[in-house]
Amino acid sequence: MGKFSRTENYAKENGYFDVNQYNNIYNPEAYYQTLGPEIWKQTNGEITHFVMTGSTFGCISGTGSFLKECNPKVKVILADPVNSNIYAYYYSNYSNSKNDLSLNSSLGQFSIIGITIVAIVIPKMI
């Protein structure tokens, strides 16, 4: 049984709601409507760079989209370790083994939905 199946089953058995961030196409929208405006307001519109890691890509793509709409000059940067699944896919269209981990166990999780969304917002990753 895979990681997501266990999560879904646990939620059902215990009466929890599983937001399934990795496959929820509305994930970026939540950040677009909340974190993006919050950062813009707290920086008085003077933010120049938004650096974020990626796992579901909801945060970086939703927040990045909002910030770029406010100021197209804002640089949105995805920071991810070289040997992660995300980095490998982004630069060579190849996903490493599921056993390869990034600096944080949640980073480097592979999500085609996220990659598709984030590629539109971020022209380059480091």
Foldseek 3Di string as FASTA:
>chain_A
DDPVVVVVVVCVVVVHDDPPLLPDLCLLVVLLPPVLVVVCVVVVNPAAEAEDEDQSLSNQLNNLVNNCVSPVRRAREYEWDCPAQLNCCVPPVDGDDPPDATPDNRGRHDHPSNSVRVVVRHVDYD
